[in-house]
């Protein structure tokens, strides 16, 4: 009869790790709460797409793998994806997003968001996808994004970004898609992005076009500093036409000289044959 008390005392001990796990998942992540609250405060929502982005849901945004928030995806009780594209959102991108330390994908594309890209995104060390395209973002591209070493996709096309492209972004070994087209960027395209070596994927001209003051490979080399293709072709055609004119003039002069020489020789022969009076 002695084994029975041993079993009754052992059973609760076996359940203890499971109870601890449930308690841990039930507790909200304070960083995620701060991140979500900050982002909501920085955005205006004229289409009322974020009606469930409220303080109670910020405090408890996840139920395991399910989310209580529009556009949010959870993984094991943490926010790991935010997709708020095409919702007519305005405002700015909050630097508080840097508190979503488990975030792997951020998509705010197709809105009317202005302001600059916050350097606090550098704290998103697990970020693999950054899509801020088709907005009204201004200012430079932060070189600090290179600290997000897991980035696979950087899509910033169709904004109003200025300055140069940070060469540090070329150090992202996992970067497979990069698009900064149709902005107001200037200066040379970093060779670390335009002409990548080894097994790193290169990016074609479509990733950089639409920036009138941007030049270098894979765009036309020396753009803004040398002659355009049209100018070079025009110069070539002009040189060819000039060569033809000069050649034609020389030939004409040679023919005229030859004819005059023959005429003089004929006159000499006739004068020799004429009798003297």
Protein backbone atom coordinates (compact mmCIF):
# COMPACT_ATOMS: atom_id res chain seq x y z
CA UNK A 1 0.00 0.00 0.00
CA UNK A 2 2.99 2.32 0.30
CA UNK A 3 3.33 3.13 -3.47
CA UNK A 4 -0.03 4.97 -3.58
CA UNK A 5 1.04 8.09 -1.65
CA UNK A 6 4.12 8.32 -3.90
CA UNK A 7 1.94 8.55 -7.02
CA UNK A 8 -0.36 11.22 -5.62
CA UNK A 9 2.59 13.43 -4.75
CA UNK A 10 4.33 12.85 -8.10
CA UNK A 11 1.36 13.72 -10.35
CA UNK A 12 1.22 17.45 -9.52
CA UNK A 13 4.96 17.66 -10.09
CA UNK A 14 4.51 16.30 -13.60
CA UNK A 15 1.91 18.96 -14.36
CA UNK A 16 4.00 21.82 -13.01
CA UNK A 17 6.02 22.56 -16.25
CA UNK A 18 2.81 22.59 -18.30
CA UNK A 19 1.15 24.99 -15.86
CA UNK A 20 4.19 27.26 -15.99
CA UNK A 21 4.04 27.25 -19.84
CA UNK A 22 0.36 28.21 -19.85
CA UNK A 23 0.99 31.00 -17.36
CA UNK A 24 3.87 32.34 -19.45
CA UNK A 25 1.81 32.43 -22.66
CA UNK A 26 -1.04 34.16 -20.87
CA UNK A 27 1.20 37.03 -19.78
CA UNK A 28 1.42 39.75 -22.43
CA UNK A 29 4.77 40.85 -23.78
CA UNK A 30 5.31 44.45 -22.57
CA UNK A 31 7.53 45.31 -25.54
CA UNK A 32 4.86 44.22 -28.01
CA UNK A 33 2.25 46.27 -26.15
CA UNK A 34 4.43 49.38 -26.28
CA UNK A 35 5.21 48.77 -29.97
CA UNK A 36 1.57 48.39 -31.02
CA UNK A 37 0.37 51.33 -28.95
CA UNK A 38 3.07 53.57 -30.37
CA UNK A 39 2.33 52.57 -33.96
CA UNK A 40 -1.40 53.17 -33.55
CA UNK A 41 -0.75 56.61 -32.07
CA UNK A 42 1.42 57.60 -35.05
CA UNK A 43 -1.19 56.63 -37.66
CA UNK A 44 -4.51 58.10 -38.70
CA UNK A 45 -7.14 55.72 -40.02
CA UNK A 46 -9.71 57.53 -42.21
CA UNK A 47 -11.15 54.25 -43.49
CA UNK A 48 -11.63 52.84 -39.94
CA UNK A 49 -9.65 49.72 -40.74
CA UNK A 50 -8.04 49.53 -37.30
CA UNK A 51 -11.14 49.53 -35.12
CA UNK A 52 -9.85 46.65 -32.99
CA UNK A 53 -6.50 48.34 -32.38
CA UNK A 54 -7.43 49.30 -28.83
CA UNK A 55 -5.58 49.41 -25.51
CA UNK A 56 -7.10 46.13 -24.17
CA UNK A 57 -5.98 44.29 -27.29
CA UNK A 58 -2.52 45.86 -27.10
CA UNK A 59 -2.17 44.40 -23.62
CA UNK A 60 -3.18 40.95 -24.86
CA UNK A 61 -2.70 40.91 -28.68
CA UNK A 62 -2.17 37.17 -29.11
CA UNK A 63 -3.93 33.96 -28.20
CA UNK A 64 -1.24 31.46 -29.06
CA UNK A 65 -0.98 31.68 -32.84
CA UNK A 66 -4.14 33.79 -33.25
CA UNK A 67 -4.19 37.58 -33.12
CA UNK A 68 -6.86 39.95 -31.86
CA UNK A 69 -5.62 42.74 -34.13
CA UNK A 70 -6.34 43.49 -37.78
CA UNK A 71 -3.26 42.78 -39.92
CA UNK A 72 -1.25 41.18 -37.11
CA UNK A 73 -0.01 37.59 -37.01
CA UNK A 74 1.21 35.83 -33.89
CA UNK A 75 3.69 33.08 -33.26
CA UNK A 76 3.75 31.42 -29.87
CA UNK A 77 2.17 34.42 -28.17
CA UNK A 78 4.35 37.11 -29.85
CA UNK A 79 3.67 39.48 -32.74
CA UNK A 80 5.86 38.31 -35.61
CA UNK A 81 4.13 39.85 -38.66
CA UNK A 82 2.37 43.16 -39.34
CA UNK A 83 0.63 43.57 -42.70
CA UNK A 84 -1.30 46.84 -43.01
CA UNK A 85 -1.03 47.42 -46.76
CA UNK A 86 -3.58 49.31 -48.83
CA UNK A 87 -5.62 50.68 -45.90
CA UNK A 88 -5.36 54.41 -46.78
CA UNK A 89 -3.40 54.98 -43.57
CA UNK A 90 -1.75 58.36 -42.96
CA UNK A 91 0.62 59.71 -40.37
CA UNK A 92 4.17 58.46 -39.80
CA UNK A 93 6.09 55.27 -39.10
CA UNK A 94 6.62 55.15 -35.36
CA UNK A 95 10.08 54.54 -33.97
CA UNK A 96 8.30 52.49 -31.31
CA UNK A 97 8.17 49.64 -33.83
CA UNK A 98 11.67 48.85 -32.64
CA UNK A 99 10.08 47.36 -29.50
CA UNK A 100 8.47 44.52 -31.49
CA UNK A 101 11.64 42.52 -31.03
CA UNK A 102 10.15 39.32 -32.48
CA UNK A 103 8.88 40.99 -35.67
CA UNK A 104 9.93 39.22 -38.87
CA UNK A 105 7.79 40.98 -41.48
CA UNK A 106 6.63 44.62 -41.68
CA UNK A 107 4.39 45.65 -44.58
CA UNK A 108 2.93 49.17 -44.59
CA UNK A 109 2.87 49.51 -48.39
CA UNK A 110 0.19 51.22 -50.46
CA UNK A 111 -0.81 53.85 -47.93
CA UNK A 112 -0.26 57.61 -47.56
CA UNK A 113 2.26 57.50 -44.74
CA UNK A 114 4.75 60.38 -44.60
CA UNK A 115 7.68 61.34 -42.46
CA UNK A 116 10.99 59.50 -42.44
CA UNK A 117 12.09 55.90 -41.96
CA UNK A 118 12.91 55.66 -38.25
CA UNK A 119 16.39 54.48 -37.35
CA UNK A 120 14.83 52.52 -34.47
CA UNK A 121 14.00 49.79 -36.98
CA UNK A 122 17.60 48.68 -36.45
CA UNK A 123 16.42 46.97 -33.25
CA UNK A 124 14.29 44.53 -35.27
CA UNK A 125 17.07 41.96 -35.38
CA UNK A 126 14.76 39.20 -36.65
CA UNK A 127 13.27 41.28 -39.47
CA UNK A 128 13.33 39.51 -42.84
CA UNK A 129 10.83 41.58 -44.89
CA UNK A 130 10.57 45.38 -44.93
CA UNK A 131 7.99 46.80 -47.36
CA UNK A 132 7.28 50.52 -47.08
CA UNK A 133 6.65 51.06 -50.79
CA UNK A 134 4.04 53.35 -52.37
CA UNK A 135 3.81 55.88 -49.57
CA UNK A 136 5.00 59.48 -49.12
CA UNK A 137 8.13 58.84 -47.09
CA UNK A 138 10.83 61.50 -47.18
CA UNK A 139 14.40 61.86 -46.02
CA UNK A 140 17.31 59.42 -46.28
CA UNK A 141 17.47 55.64 -46.15
CA UNK A 142 18.95 54.84 -42.73
CA UNK A 143 22.25 52.95 -43.04
CA UNK A 144 21.37 51.39 -39.66
CA UNK A 145 19.05 48.99 -41.52
CA UNK A 146 22.20 46.99 -42.23
CA UNK A 147 22.05 45.87 -38.59
CA UNK A 148 18.95 43.82 -39.45
CA UNK A 149 21.13 41.01 -40.78
CA UNK A 150 18.21 38.67 -41.60
CA UNK A 151 16.68 41.05 -44.15
CA UNK A 152 15.72 39.26 -47.36
CA UNK A 153 13.52 41.97 -48.88
CA UNK A 154 13.80 45.77 -48.81
CA UNK A 155 11.08 47.44 -50.88
CA UNK A 156 10.98 51.24 -50.75
CA UNK A 157 9.84 52.09 -54.28
CA UNK A 158 7.49 54.98 -55.10
CA UNK A 159 8.24 57.30 -52.22
CA UNK A 160 10.04 60.66 -52.01
CA UNK A 161 13.25 59.47 -50.39
CA UNK A 162 16.35 61.63 -50.87
CA UNK A 163 20.09 61.35 -50.37
CA UNK A 164 22.34 58.50 -51.38
CA UNK A 165 21.88 54.74 -51.12
CA UNK A 166 23.82 53.53 -48.07
CA UNK A 167 26.58 51.15 -49.22
CA UNK A 168 26.20 49.31 -45.89
CA UNK A 169 23.05 47.67 -47.26
CA UNK A 170 25.24 45.68 -49.63
CA UNK A 171 26.62 43.83 -46.60
CA UNK A 172 23.27 42.08 -46.11
CA UNK A 173 24.20 38.62 -47.34
CA UNK A 174 20.59 37.35 -47.29
CA UNK A 175 19.23 40.26 -49.35
CA UNK A 176 17.50 38.81 -52.42
CA UNK A 177 15.09 41.63 -53.38
CA UNK A 178 15.89 45.35 -53.31
CA UNK A 179 13.80 48.12 -54.87
CA UNK A 180 14.27 51.88 -54.44
CA UNK A 181 12.88 52.92 -57.82
CA UNK A 182 10.88 56.12 -58.32
CA UNK A 183 12.26 58.20 -55.50
CA UNK A 184 14.52 61.27 -55.44
CA UNK A 185 17.77 59.53 -54.66
CA UNK A 186 21.07 60.83 -55.97
CA UNK A 187 24.72 59.92 -56.32
CA UNK A 188 26.37 56.66 -57.37
CA UNK A 189 24.82 53.24 -56.91
CA UNK A 190 27.04 51.37 -54.42
CA UNK A 191 28.98 48.58 -56.10
CA UNK A 192 28.01 46.40 -53.14
CA UNK A 193 24.43 46.52 -54.50
CA UNK A 194 24.74 47.19 -58.23
CA UNK A 195 27.61 44.83 -58.98
CA UNK A 196 27.61 42.19 -56.27
CA UNK A 197 30.27 39.51 -56.34
CA UNK A 198 30.35 35.83 -55.50
CA UNK A 199 27.05 34.07 -54.95
CA UNK A 200 25.22 37.21 -53.85
CA UNK A 201 22.24 38.05 -56.10
CA UNK A 202 22.60 41.20 -58.19
CA UNK A 203 19.87 43.74 -58.84
CA UNK A 204 18.97 45.02 -62.30
CA UNK A 205 18.19 48.54 -63.48
CA UNK A 206 14.51 48.31 -62.55
CA UNK A 207 15.54 48.39 -58.87
CA UNK A 208 17.05 51.87 -59.30
CA UNK A 209 15.27 53.59 -62.21
CA UNK A 210 13.13 56.70 -61.68
CA UNK A 211 15.80 58.55 -59.68
CA UNK A 212 17.05 61.19 -62.11
CA UNK A 213 20.23 62.00 -60.17
CA UNK A 214 21.20 58.40 -59.52
CA UNK A 215 23.92 56.90 -61.74
CA UNK A 216 26.25 53.96 -62.11
CA UNK A 217 25.89 50.28 -62.89
CA UNK A 218 23.36 48.80 -63.65
CA UNK A 219 21.98 52.13 -64.89
CA UNK A 220 23.87 53.86 -67.73
CA UNK A 221 27.36 54.39 -66.37
CA UNK A 222 28.35 58.00 -65.91
CA UNK A 223 24.79 59.24 -66.07
CA UNK A 224 24.83 62.94 -65.40
CA UNK A 225 28.60 63.05 -65.87
CA UNK A 226 29.14 61.91 -69.45
CA UNK A 227 27.46 61.87 -72.82
CA UNK A 228 24.19 60.07 -73.31
CA UNK A 229 23.82 57.28 -75.85
CA UNK A 230 21.81 59.59 -78.11
CA UNK A 231 24.57 62.22 -77.98
CA UNK A 232 27.24 59.64 -78.77
CA UNK A 233 25.24 58.32 -81.74
CA UNK A 234 24.66 61.90 -82.94
CA UNK A 235 28.35 62.70 -82.75
CA UNK A 236 29.14 59.52 -84.64
CA UNK A 237 26.67 60.31 -87.39
CA UNK A 238 27.92 63.89 -87.58
CA UNK A 239 31.51 62.75 -87.85
CA UNK A 240 30.57 60.30 -90.60
CA UNK A 241 28.73 63.01 -92.55
CA UNK A 242 31.68 65.39 -92.22
CA UNK A 243 34.06 62.71 -93.48
CA UNK A 244 31.88 62.16 -96.53
CA UNK A 245 31.79 65.89 -97.32
CA UNK A 246 35.57 66.21 -97.00
CA UNK A 247 36.16 63.13 -99.15
CA UNK A 248 33.76 64.37 -101.83
CA UNK A 249 35.45 67.82 -101.89
CA UNK A 250 38.92 66.28 -102.27
CA UNK A 251 37.76 64.07 -105.16
CA UNK A 252 36.16 67.03 -106.91
CA UNK A 253 39.32 69.12 -106.56
CA UNK A 254 41.47 66.25 -107.92
CA UNK A 255 39.19 65.85 -110.95
CA UNK A 256 39.31 69.57 -111.71
CA UNK A 257 43.12 69.66 -111.48
CA UNK A 258 43.38 66.60 -113.71
CA UNK A 259 41.06 68.10 -116.33
CA UNK A 260 42.99 71.38 -116.41
CA UNK A 261 46.28 69.52 -116.80
CA UNK A 262 44.92 67.53 -119.72
CA UNK A 263 43.59 70.71 -121.32
CA UNK A 264 47.00 72.37 -121.09
CA UNK A 265 48.68 69.33 -122.60
CA UNK A 266 46.23 69.33 -125.52
CA UNK A 267 46.85 73.04 -126.12
CA UNK A 268 50.62 72.38 -126.21
CA UNK A 269 50.21 69.62 -128.81
CA UNK A 270 48.03 71.80 -131.05
CA UNK A 271 50.43 74.74 -130.81
CA UNK A 272 53.30 72.49 -131.83
CA UNK A 273 51.47 71.32 -134.93
CA UNK A 274 50.41 74.79 -136.11
CA UNK A 275 52.68 76.22 -138.93
CA UNK A 276 54.63 79.37 -138.41
CA UNK A 277 53.60 82.40 -140.47
